[in-house]
C-alpha atoms as a PDB file:
ATOM      1  CA  MET A   1     101.191 202.912 184.293  1.00  0.00           C
ATOM      2  CA  GLY A   2      98.708 204.326 187.214  1.00  0.00           C
ATOM      3  CA  GLU A   3      99.923 206.084 190.367  1.00  0.00           C
ATOM      4  CA  ASP A   4      99.847 203.057 192.607  1.00  0.00           C
ATOM      5  CA  GLY A   5     102.379 201.254 189.800  1.00  0.00           C
ATOM      6  CA  GLY A   6      99.536 199.402 187.601  1.00  0.00           C
ATOM      7  CA  VAL A   7      98.133 199.663 184.140  1.00  0.00           C
ATOM      8  CA  SER A   8      96.464 203.374 183.702  1.00  0.00           C
ATOM      9  CA  ASP A   9      93.149 203.233 182.232  1.00  0.00           C
ATOM     10  CA  GLU A  10      93.389 207.192 181.129  1.00  0.00           C
ATOM     11  CA  VAL A  11      93.955 207.041 177.392  1.00  0.00           C
ATOM     12  CA  ASP A  12      96.384 210.445 175.988  1.00  0.00           C
ATOM     13  CA  GLU A  13      94.152 212.001 173.540  1.00  0.00           C
ATOM     14  CA  ARG A  14      97.514 214.225 172.626  1.00  0.00           C
ATOM     15  CA  VAL A  15      98.416 210.525 171.012  1.00  0.00           C
ATOM     16  CA  THR A  16      97.110 211.294 167.269  1.00  0.00           C
ATOM     17  CA  PRO A  17      96.037 207.546 165.931  1.00  0.00           C
ATOM     18  CA  PRO A  18      98.134 206.133 162.892  1.00  0.00           C
ATOM     19  CA  LEU A  19      95.278 206.343 160.311  1.00  0.00           C
ATOM     20  CA  VAL A  20      94.414 209.973 161.474  1.00  0.00           C
ATOM     21  CA  ASP A  21      97.971 210.865 161.283  1.00  0.00           C
ATOM     22  CA  GLU A  22      98.820 209.240 157.692  1.00  0.00           C
ATOM     23  CA  ALA A  23      95.614 210.662 155.944  1.00  0.00           C
ATOM     24  CA  VAL A  24      96.321 214.327 157.021  1.00  0.00           C
ATOM     25  CA  LYS A  25      99.508 214.204 156.271  1.00  0.00           C
ATOM     26  CA  LYS A  26      98.004 213.245 152.365  1.00  0.00           C
ATOM     27  CA  ALA A  27      95.082 215.435 152.655  1.00  0.00           C
ATOM     28  CA  ALA A  28      94.117 218.514 150.379  1.00  0.00           C
ATOM     29  CA  VAL A  29      90.621 219.094 150.937  1.00  0.00           C
ATOM     30  CA  CYS A  30      88.770 217.852 153.939  1.00  0.00           C
ATOM     31  CA  TRP A  31      85.218 217.942 154.967  1.00  0.00           C
ATOM     32  CA  VAL A  32      84.243 220.210 158.306  1.00  0.00           C
ATOM     33  CA  ARG A  33      81.227 219.948 159.889  1.00  0.00           C
ATOM     34  CA  ILE A  34      80.736 222.361 163.116  1.00  0.00           C
ATOM     35  CA  GLY A  35      77.949 221.136 165.274  1.00  0.00           C
ATOM     36  CA  ASP A  36      75.186 220.120 163.845  1.00  0.00           C
ATOM     37  CA  GLY A  37      75.435 222.053 160.723  1.00  0.00           C
ATOM     38  CA  PRO A  38      76.385 220.288 157.321  1.00  0.00           C
ATOM     39  CA  ALA A  39      79.695 219.703 156.234  1.00  0.00           C
ATOM     40  CA  TYR A  40      81.473 222.115 153.958  1.00  0.00           C
ATOM     41  CA  ALA A  41      84.321 220.948 151.629  1.00  0.00           C
ATOM     42  CA  LEU A  42      87.457 223.365 152.077  1.00  0.00           C
ATOM     43  CA  TRP A  43      91.316 223.208 150.322  1.00  0.00           C
ATOM     44  CA  CYS A  44      93.505 222.254 153.250  1.00  0.00           C
ATOM     45  CA  LEU A  45      97.350 222.407 154.026  1.00  0.00           C
ATOM     46  CA  PRO A  46      98.860 219.784 156.335  1.00  0.00           C
ATOM     47  CA  LEU A  47     101.491 220.288 158.568  1.00  0.00           C
ATOM     48  CA  ASP A  48     102.545 219.099 162.299  1.00  0.00           C
ATOM     49  CA  GLY A  49      99.749 216.756 162.425  1.00  0.00           C
ATOM     50  CA  ALA A  50      97.064 219.770 161.970  1.00  0.00           C
ATOM     51  CA  LEU A  51      95.446 220.871 158.772  1.00  0.00           C
ATOM     52  CA  LEU A  52      95.381 224.058 158.097  1.00  0.00           C
ATOM     53  CA  VAL A  53      92.346 226.518 156.490  1.00  0.00           C
ATOM     54  CA  VAL A  54      91.683 229.910 155.824  1.00  0.00           C
ATOM     55  CA  THR A  55      88.224 231.296 155.290  1.00  0.00           C
ATOM     56  CA  GLY A  56      86.717 235.090 155.004  1.00  0.00           C
ATOM     57  CA  PRO A  57      85.776 237.628 152.627  1.00  0.00           C
ATOM     58  CA  GLY A  58      87.629 236.002 149.100  1.00  0.00           C
ATOM     59  CA  GLU A  59      88.009 232.955 150.495  1.00  0.00           C
ATOM     60  CA  GLN A  60      85.681 229.855 151.065  1.00  0.00           C
ATOM     61  CA  ALA A  61      82.944 229.474 153.266  1.00  0.00           C
ATOM     62  CA  ALA A  62      82.589 228.095 156.816  1.00  0.00           C
ATOM     63  CA  PRO A  63      80.179 229.280 158.558  1.00  0.00           C
ATOM     64  CA  GLY A  64      80.969 228.653 162.222  1.00  0.00           C
ATOM     65  CA  LEU A  65      84.354 227.914 162.724  1.00  0.00           C
ATOM     66  CA  ALA A  66      86.006 230.912 163.122  1.00  0.00           C
ATOM     67  CA  ASP A  67      84.014 231.150 166.320  1.00  0.00           C
ATOM     68  CA  SER A  68      83.937 227.134 166.820  1.00  0.00           C
ATOM     69  CA  ASP A  69      86.655 225.199 169.639  1.00  0.00           C
ATOM     70  CA  THR A  70      85.385 222.102 168.105  1.00  0.00           C
ATOM     71  CA  ALA A  71      84.956 220.749 164.478  1.00  0.00           C
ATOM     72  CA  GLU A  72      84.146 217.132 163.161  1.00  0.00           C
ATOM     73  CA  VAL A  73      86.419 216.743 160.297  1.00  0.00           C
ATOM     74  CA  THR A  74      86.314 213.882 157.665  1.00  0.00           C
ATOM     75  CA  LEU A  75      88.795 213.068 154.892  1.00  0.00           C
ATOM     76  CA  ARG A  76      88.303 210.838 151.866  1.00  0.00           C
ATOM     77  CA  GLY A  77      90.146 208.709 149.965  1.00  0.00           C
ATOM     78  CA  ASP A  78      91.691 209.349 146.260  1.00  0.00           C
ATOM     79  CA  HIS A  79      87.980 207.891 144.464  1.00  0.00           C
ATOM     80  CA  GLY A  80      85.714 209.719 147.530  1.00  0.00           C
ATOM     81  CA  GLY A  81      85.412 207.238 150.086  1.00  0.00           C
ATOM     82  CA  ARG A  82      85.596 207.677 153.695  1.00  0.00           C
ATOM     83  CA  ILE A  83      89.014 206.821 155.120  1.00  0.00           C
ATOM     84  CA  VAL A  84      88.536 208.539 158.521  1.00  0.00           C
ATOM     85  CA  THR A  85      86.024 210.699 160.407  1.00  0.00           C
ATOM     86  CA  TRP A  86      87.875 212.653 163.785  1.00  0.00           C
ATOM     87  CA  SER A  87      87.221 215.748 166.479  1.00  0.00           C
ATOM     88  CA  ALA A  88      89.188 218.349 166.028  1.00  0.00           C
ATOM     89  CA  ARG A  89      90.414 220.637 168.412  1.00  0.00           C
ATOM     90  CA  VAL A  90      89.947 224.146 166.189  1.00  0.00           C
ATOM     91  CA  THR A  91      92.700 227.165 166.894  1.00  0.00           C
ATOM     92  CA  ARG A  92      92.729 230.702 165.618  1.00  0.00           C
ATOM     93  CA  LEU A  93      96.152 231.621 164.511  1.00  0.00           C
ATOM     94  CA  ARG A  94      95.596 235.235 164.921  1.00  0.00           C
ATOM     95  CA  PRO A  95      98.076 238.520 162.274  1.00  0.00           C
ATOM     96  CA  GLY A  96     100.677 239.773 163.978  1.00  0.00           C
ATOM     97  CA  THR A  97     101.653 236.371 166.217  1.00  0.00           C
ATOM     98  CA  GLU A  98     104.499 234.704 165.743  1.00  0.00           C
ATOM     99  CA  GLU A  99     102.858 231.972 164.582  1.00  0.00           C
ATOM    100  CA  TRP A 100     101.015 234.076 162.027  1.00  0.00           C
ATOM    101  CA  ASP A 101     104.314 235.388 160.679  1.00  0.00           C
ATOM    102  CA  THR A 102     105.245 231.599 160.263  1.00  0.00           C
ATOM    103  CA  VAL A 103     102.366 229.762 159.240  1.00  0.00           C
ATOM    104  CA  ALA A 104     100.666 232.170 156.939  1.00  0.00           C
ATOM    105  CA  PRO A 105     102.951 232.406 154.133  1.00  0.00           C
ATOM    106  CA  LEU A 106     103.265 228.609 154.142  1.00  0.00           C
ATOM    107  CA  VAL A 107      99.820 228.221 153.531  1.00  0.00           C
ATOM    108  CA  ALA A 108      99.837 231.293 150.929  1.00  0.00           C
ATOM    109  CA  THR A 109     102.225 229.556 148.981  1.00  0.00           C
ATOM    110  CA  LYS A 110     100.007 226.477 148.432  1.00  0.00           C
ATOM    111  CA  ARG A 111      96.935 228.612 147.912  1.00  0.00           C
ATOM    112  CA  LEU A 112      95.417 227.824 143.951  1.00  0.00           C
ATOM    113  CA  ASN A 113      94.508 230.848 141.619  1.00  0.00           C
ATOM    114  CA  ALA A 114      95.639 233.508 143.954  1.00  0.00           C
ATOM    115  CA  SER A 115      96.421 236.742 142.509  1.00  0.00           C
ATOM    116  CA  GLY A 116      99.562 238.570 143.584  1.00  0.00           C
ATOM    117  CA  THR A 117     102.417 236.897 145.774  1.00  0.00           C
ATOM    118  CA  ALA A 118     102.694 234.958 148.862  1.00  0.00           C
ATOM    119  CA  ALA A 119     103.119 238.217 150.662  1.00  0.00           C
ATOM    120  CA  ASP A 120     100.237 240.232 148.979  1.00  0.00           C
ATOM    121  CA  LEU A 121      97.910 237.338 149.615  1.00  0.00           C
ATOM    122  CA  VAL A 122      99.000 237.225 153.572  1.00  0.00           C
ATOM    123  CA  ALA A 123      98.772 241.269 153.746  1.00  0.00           C
ATOM    124  CA  ARG A 124      95.255 241.035 152.593  1.00  0.00           C
ATOM    125  CA  TRP A 125      93.954 237.856 154.514  1.00  0.00           C
ATOM    126  CA  ALA A 126      95.045 240.408 157.553  1.00  0.00           C
ATOM    127  CA  ALA A 127      93.045 243.269 156.495  1.00  0.00           C
ATOM    128  CA  GLU A 128      89.979 242.043 155.472  1.00  0.00           C
ATOM    129  CA  GLY A 129      89.830 239.726 158.298  1.00  0.00           C
ATOM    130  CA  CYS A 130      90.216 236.032 157.023  1.00  0.00           C
ATOM    131  CA  VAL A 131      90.621 233.974 159.678  1.00  0.00           C
ATOM    132  CA  LEU A 132      93.372 230.657 159.055  1.00  0.00           C
ATOM    133  CA  SER A 133      92.652 227.783 161.806  1.00  0.00           C
ATOM    134  CA  ARG A 134      94.566 224.756 162.932  1.00  0.00           C
ATOM    135  CA  LEU A 135      92.263 221.390 163.008  1.00  0.00           C
ATOM    136  CA  ALA A 136      94.275 219.267 165.401  1.00  0.00           C
ATOM    137  CA  PRO A 137      93.402 216.076 165.790  1.00  0.00           C
ATOM    138  CA  ALA A 138      91.562 215.501 169.634  1.00  0.00           C
ATOM    139  CA  GLY A 139      89.316 213.367 171.377  1.00  0.00           C
ATOM    140  CA  ALA A 140      87.262 210.724 169.247  1.00  0.00           C
ATOM    141  CA  THR A 141      88.271 208.817 165.871  1.00  0.00           C
ATOM    142  CA  VAL A 142      85.690 207.019 163.273  1.00  0.00           C
ATOM    143  CA  THR A 143      87.209 204.457 161.233  1.00  0.00           C
ATOM    144  CA  GLY A 144      86.608 201.116 159.571  1.00  0.00           C
ATOM    145  CA  ALA A 145      83.736 199.505 161.182  1.00  0.00           C
ATOM    146  CA  ASP A 146      82.473 201.950 162.812  1.00  0.00           C
ATOM    147  CA  LEU A 147      81.513 203.603 159.943  1.00  0.00           C
ATOM    148  CA  PRO A 148      77.910 204.191 158.636  1.00  0.00           C
ATOM    149  CA  ALA A 149      76.154 201.509 156.338  1.00  0.00           C
ATOM    150  CA  ASP A 150      74.072 204.151 154.336  1.00  0.00           C
ATOM    151  CA  SER A 151      74.997 206.624 152.050  1.00  0.00           C
ATOM    152  CA  LEU A 152      74.694 209.840 154.512  1.00  0.00           C
ATOM    153  CA  ALA A 153      73.994 211.625 150.761  1.00  0.00           C
ATOM    154  CA  GLU A 154      72.093 214.872 151.182  1.00  0.00           C
ATOM    155  CA  GLN A 155      70.127 217.379 149.021  1.00  0.00           C
ATOM    156  CA  PRO A 156      72.091 220.358 147.574  1.00  0.00           C
ATOM    157  CA  ARG A 157      72.070 223.277 149.408  1.00  0.00           C
ATOM    158  CA  PRO A 158      70.175 225.806 148.030  1.00  0.00           C
ATOM    159  CA  SER A 159      72.981 228.191 145.591  1.00  0.00           C
ATOM    160  CA  PRO A 160      73.036 231.534 143.969  1.00  0.00           C
ATOM    161  CA  ALA A 161      74.940 229.647 141.011  1.00  0.00           C
ATOM    162  CA  VAL A 162      72.072 227.958 140.190  1.00  0.00           C
ATOM    163  CA  ARG A 163      69.787 228.208 137.464  1.00  0.00           C
ATOM    164  CA  ALA A 164      66.807 226.938 135.208  1.00  0.00           C
ATOM    165  CA  VAL A 165      67.194 224.482 132.654  1.00  0.00           C
ATOM    166  CA  ARG A 166      66.353 225.984 129.812  1.00  0.00           C
ATOM    167  CA  ARG A 167      66.121 224.704 126.016  1.00  0.00           C
ATOM    168  CA  PRO A 168      68.972 224.595 123.541  1.00  0.00           C
ATOM    169  CA  PHE A 169      68.893 227.744 121.170  1.00  0.00           C
ATOM    170  CA  ARG A 170      68.799 227.018 117.711  1.00  0.00           C
ATOM    171  CA  LEU A 171      69.758 229.112 114.922  1.00  0.00           C
ATOM    172  CA  HIS A 172      67.506 227.148 112.600  1.00  0.00           C
ATOM    173  CA  ARG A 173      64.560 224.678 111.784  1.00  0.00           C
ATOM    174  CA  VAL A 174      65.265 221.109 112.077  1.00  0.00           C
ATOM    175  CA  ARG A 175      62.958 219.221 109.529  1.00  0.00           C
ATOM    176  CA  ARG A 176      61.611 215.967 110.873  1.00  0.00           C
ATOM    177  CA  ARG A 177      61.158 213.713 107.966  1.00  0.00           C
END
């Protein structure tokens, strides 16, 4: 209600749309885009209506996320189709704070293929300068009919993991008849 008793045209950005809220609860991987850059697939942990993401040395890469205040997050379904894209407010959790001490161990326990205990992992994140970011829904949401009709496919980014394709090695000569 407005000050004059009528209905207000203002939208409360703190109210998360139900589709975003439900998609966040089930997310294990999110695609994060900072500015006009490419989207990066990142593993995440949903907690209290937001996604928690760890980036940095020895962890996943998301260039620019640690220094950004906003990002665009896309969540996909089990079969790869986009469910929702939303604007996120990015908050960095700092080692030594009460929030870090509460949240970092929760994220560390969900980290797959980590060597050592969760406490060791949290200590490594703090020592090596890894960034624990909270991506909370804020602002615009793109859903359903708002999604583009084209595929949005992009060329693969260059990677040192790519190698030249060679012919298979043969131990003997194959006779042709």
